[in-house]
Amino acid sequence: MEQREITGPANVTWTCVQAYAGLEANAEKAAEIVRTGDKVPVVCTPSGGAQSVRLELVHNWMEKLSDDELLDQIATAQQSS
């Protein structure tokens, strides 16, 4: 399962993975099923006590989004929950 780690404010490290990416051989099919338009669900889990957040990101978020853009998406999701 491919994941991305970023460190944000207060030295919180977030581990982000595309939801359903852990289905091994069927990962691409699962990603295709859950894709809404050009968006895919991504779950980001923090180190420490903060709550995980669920994001809807562009399908190529691993390559396309900078660390700052991903942190902004996480912060927005935290504010709206």
N, C-alpha and C. Protein backbone atom coordinates (compact mmCIF):
# COMPACT_ATOMS: atom_id res chain seq x y z
N MET A 1 0.84 -1.16 0.00
CA MET A 1 0.00 0.00 0.00
C MET A 1 0.90 1.24 0.00
N GLU A 2 0.69 2.08 -0.97
CA GLU A 2 1.47 3.29 -1.09
C GLU A 2 0.91 4.35 -0.15
N GLN A 3 1.80 5.01 0.60
CA GLN A 3 1.36 6.04 1.51
C GLN A 3 2.31 7.23 1.43
N ARG A 4 1.84 8.34 1.96
CA ARG A 4 2.64 9.56 1.95
C ARG A 4 2.63 10.14 3.35
N GLU A 5 3.80 10.51 3.83
CA GLU A 5 3.92 11.13 5.15
C GLU A 5 4.36 12.56 5.00
N ILE A 6 3.70 13.44 5.77
CA ILE A 6 4.06 14.84 5.80
C ILE A 6 4.02 15.30 7.25
N THR A 7 4.83 16.30 7.57
CA THR A 7 4.84 16.84 8.92
C THR A 7 4.30 18.26 8.88
N GLY A 8 3.33 18.50 9.75
CA GLY A 8 2.67 19.79 9.80
C GLY A 8 3.01 20.55 11.06
N PRO A 9 2.17 21.54 11.39
CA PRO A 9 2.38 22.33 12.59
C PRO A 9 2.43 21.45 13.83
N ALA A 10 3.15 21.93 14.85
CA ALA A 10 3.31 21.22 16.11
C ALA A 10 3.98 19.85 15.92
N ASN A 11 4.72 19.70 14.83
CA ASN A 11 5.44 18.46 14.54
C ASN A 11 4.53 17.23 14.49
N VAL A 12 3.30 17.40 14.04
CA VAL A 12 2.39 16.28 13.84
C VAL A 12 2.70 15.68 12.48
N THR A 13 2.98 14.40 12.46
CA THR A 13 3.25 13.70 11.20
C THR A 13 1.96 13.02 10.76
N TRP A 14 1.54 13.31 9.54
CA TRP A 14 0.33 12.73 8.96
C TRP A 14 0.72 11.65 7.97
N THR A 15 0.06 10.51 8.05
CA THR A 15 0.24 9.43 7.08
C THR A 15 -1.05 9.35 6.27
N CYS A 16 -0.93 9.58 4.97
CA CYS A 16 -2.10 9.62 4.08
C CYS A 16 -2.05 8.45 3.10
N VAL A 17 -3.19 7.78 2.96
CA VAL A 17 -3.32 6.67 2.02
C VAL A 17 -4.66 6.79 1.30
N GLN A 18 -4.69 6.35 0.07
CA GLN A 18 -5.95 6.33 -0.66
C GLN A 18 -6.82 5.23 -0.08
N ALA A 19 -8.04 5.58 0.24
CA ALA A 19 -8.96 4.60 0.83
C ALA A 19 -9.13 3.43 -0.13
N TYR A 20 -9.15 2.23 0.41
CA TYR A 20 -9.30 0.97 -0.31
C TYR A 20 -8.05 0.57 -1.10
N ALA A 21 -6.96 1.30 -0.91
CA ALA A 21 -5.74 0.96 -1.65
C ALA A 21 -5.14 -0.35 -1.16
N GLY A 22 -5.53 -0.83 0.01
CA GLY A 22 -4.97 -2.05 0.56
C GLY A 22 -5.61 -3.32 0.05
N LEU A 23 -6.37 -3.25 -1.01
CA LEU A 23 -7.02 -4.45 -1.53
C LEU A 23 -6.13 -5.24 -2.48
N GLU A 24 -4.84 -4.98 -2.43
CA GLU A 24 -3.81 -5.68 -3.18
C GLU A 24 -4.13 -5.80 -4.66
N ALA A 25 -4.42 -6.97 -5.15
CA ALA A 25 -4.59 -7.19 -6.59
C ALA A 25 -5.75 -6.39 -7.15
N ASN A 26 -6.74 -6.07 -6.33
CA ASN A 26 -7.90 -5.34 -6.82
C ASN A 26 -7.85 -3.85 -6.49
N ALA A 27 -6.70 -3.33 -6.12
CA ALA A 27 -6.58 -1.94 -5.71
C ALA A 27 -7.00 -0.96 -6.81
N GLU A 28 -6.57 -1.23 -8.05
CA GLU A 28 -6.96 -0.32 -9.13
C GLU A 28 -8.45 -0.36 -9.40
N LYS A 29 -9.02 -1.55 -9.37
CA LYS A 29 -10.46 -1.68 -9.58
C LYS A 29 -11.21 -0.97 -8.45
N ALA A 30 -10.76 -1.15 -7.21
CA ALA A 30 -11.40 -0.48 -6.07
C ALA A 30 -11.28 1.03 -6.21
N ALA A 31 -10.12 1.51 -6.62
CA ALA A 31 -9.93 2.95 -6.80
C ALA A 31 -10.87 3.48 -7.87
N GLU A 32 -11.07 2.72 -8.92
CA GLU A 32 -11.96 3.13 -9.99
C GLU A 32 -13.41 3.18 -9.50
N ILE A 33 -13.79 2.24 -8.67
CA ILE A 33 -15.15 2.19 -8.15
C ILE A 33 -15.44 3.39 -7.25
N VAL A 34 -14.49 3.74 -6.38
CA VAL A 34 -14.73 4.81 -5.41
C VAL A 34 -14.47 6.20 -5.97
N ARG A 35 -13.90 6.28 -7.15
CA ARG A 35 -13.60 7.58 -7.73
C ARG A 35 -14.89 8.31 -8.06
N THR A 36 -14.97 9.56 -7.64
CA THR A 36 -16.13 10.39 -7.97
C THR A 36 -15.61 11.52 -8.85
N GLY A 37 -15.88 11.45 -10.13
CA GLY A 37 -15.29 12.43 -11.05
C GLY A 37 -13.80 12.21 -11.10
N ASP A 38 -13.05 13.27 -10.84
CA ASP A 38 -11.59 13.17 -10.81
C ASP A 38 -11.07 13.07 -9.39
N LYS A 39 -11.93 12.77 -8.44
CA LYS A 39 -11.55 12.73 -7.03
C LYS A 39 -11.53 11.30 -6.50
N VAL A 40 -10.65 11.06 -5.54
CA VAL A 40 -10.58 9.78 -4.86
C VAL A 40 -10.57 10.03 -3.35
N PRO A 41 -11.10 9.10 -2.56
CA PRO A 41 -11.06 9.27 -1.11
C PRO A 41 -9.68 8.94 -0.57
N VAL A 42 -9.22 9.80 0.33
CA VAL A 42 -7.92 9.63 0.97
C VAL A 42 -8.12 9.80 2.47
N VAL A 43 -7.51 8.93 3.26
CA VAL A 43 -7.58 9.03 4.71
C VAL A 43 -6.20 9.40 5.23
N CYS A 44 -6.18 10.46 6.07
CA CYS A 44 -4.92 10.91 6.67
C CYS A 44 -5.01 10.72 8.18
N THR A 45 -4.04 10.00 8.73
CA THR A 45 -4.01 9.68 10.15
C THR A 45 -2.80 10.36 10.79
N PRO A 46 -3.03 11.10 11.88
CA PRO A 46 -1.93 11.82 12.51
C PRO A 46 -1.21 10.99 13.56
N SER A 47 0.03 11.38 13.81
CA SER A 47 0.72 10.85 14.98
C SER A 47 0.16 11.61 16.18
N GLY A 48 0.12 11.00 17.32
CA GLY A 48 -0.41 11.70 18.49
C GLY A 48 -1.91 11.53 18.61
N GLY A 49 -2.56 12.48 19.29
CA GLY A 49 -3.95 12.30 19.65
C GLY A 49 -5.00 12.87 18.73
N ALA A 50 -4.62 13.55 17.66
CA ALA A 50 -5.63 14.15 16.78
C ALA A 50 -6.40 13.08 16.02
N GLN A 51 -7.56 13.46 15.52
CA GLN A 51 -8.44 12.53 14.81
C GLN A 51 -8.07 12.43 13.33
N SER A 52 -8.23 11.25 12.75
CA SER A 52 -8.02 11.06 11.31
C SER A 52 -9.02 11.89 10.53
N VAL A 53 -8.63 12.25 9.31
CA VAL A 53 -9.53 13.00 8.44
C VAL A 53 -9.67 12.27 7.12
N ARG A 54 -10.82 12.44 6.50
CA ARG A 54 -11.09 11.85 5.19
C ARG A 54 -11.18 13.00 4.19
N LEU A 55 -10.45 12.87 3.10
CA LEU A 55 -10.38 13.91 2.08
C LEU A 55 -10.85 13.37 0.74
N GLU A 56 -11.29 14.24 -0.12
CA GLU A 56 -11.56 13.92 -1.53
C GLU A 56 -10.53 14.70 -2.34
N LEU A 57 -9.58 13.99 -2.94
CA LEU A 57 -8.47 14.62 -3.64
C LEU A 57 -8.42 14.18 -5.10
N VAL A 58 -7.68 14.94 -5.90
CA VAL A 58 -7.50 14.57 -7.30
C VAL A 58 -6.83 13.19 -7.36
N HIS A 59 -7.15 12.43 -8.39
CA HIS A 59 -6.69 11.03 -8.45
C HIS A 59 -5.17 10.89 -8.43
N ASN A 60 -4.43 11.90 -8.86
CA ASN A 60 -2.97 11.82 -8.86
C ASN A 60 -2.38 12.68 -7.73
N TRP A 61 -3.05 12.69 -6.59
CA TRP A 61 -2.67 13.52 -5.46
C TRP A 61 -1.26 13.24 -4.95
N MET A 62 -0.79 12.03 -5.06
CA MET A 62 0.55 11.69 -4.56
C MET A 62 1.62 12.50 -5.28
N GLU A 63 1.45 12.70 -6.57
CA GLU A 63 2.43 13.43 -7.35
C GLU A 63 2.08 14.91 -7.48
N LYS A 64 0.79 15.21 -7.55
CA LYS A 64 0.37 16.56 -7.90
C LYS A 64 0.35 17.55 -6.73
N LEU A 65 -0.10 17.10 -5.55
CA LEU A 65 -0.23 18.02 -4.42
C LEU A 65 1.10 18.18 -3.68
N SER A 66 1.45 19.43 -3.41
CA SER A 66 2.64 19.69 -2.60
C SER A 66 2.30 19.38 -1.14
N ASP A 67 3.31 19.30 -0.30
CA ASP A 67 3.08 19.06 1.12
C ASP A 67 2.19 20.16 1.71
N ASP A 68 2.46 21.41 1.35
CA ASP A 68 1.65 22.53 1.87
C ASP A 68 0.20 22.43 1.43
N GLU A 69 -0.04 22.05 0.18
CA GLU A 69 -1.41 21.90 -0.31
C GLU A 69 -2.14 20.77 0.43
N LEU A 70 -1.43 19.68 0.68
CA LEU A 70 -2.04 18.56 1.40
C LEU A 70 -2.34 18.96 2.85
N LEU A 71 -1.41 19.67 3.49
CA LEU A 71 -1.65 20.15 4.85
C LEU A 71 -2.84 21.12 4.90
N ASP A 72 -2.98 21.96 3.87
CA ASP A 72 -4.14 22.87 3.80
C ASP A 72 -5.44 22.08 3.70
N GLN A 73 -5.45 21.02 2.90
CA GLN A 73 -6.64 20.17 2.76
C GLN A 73 -6.99 19.51 4.10
N ILE A 74 -5.96 19.07 4.82
CA ILE A 74 -6.19 18.44 6.13
C ILE A 74 -6.77 19.46 7.10
N ALA A 75 -6.17 20.66 7.13
CA ALA A 75 -6.65 21.70 8.05
C ALA A 75 -8.09 22.07 7.76
N THR A 76 -8.45 22.17 6.48
CA THR A 76 -9.84 22.49 6.09
C THR A 76 -10.78 21.39 6.55
N ALA A 77 -10.39 20.13 6.38
CA ALA A 77 -11.23 19.01 6.80
C ALA A 77 -11.41 19.00 8.32
N GLN A 78 -10.35 19.35 9.05
CA GLN A 78 -10.46 19.39 10.51
C GLN A 78 -11.43 20.48 10.97
N GLN A 79 -11.42 21.61 10.29
CA GLN A 79 -12.29 22.72 10.66
C GLN A 79 -13.75 22.42 10.38
N SER A 80 -14.00 21.62 9.34
CA SER A 80 -15.38 21.35 8.97
C SER A 80 -15.98 20.15 9.72
N SER A 81 -15.17 19.47 10.52
CA SER A 81 -15.73 18.31 11.24
C SER A 81 -16.07 18.67 12.67
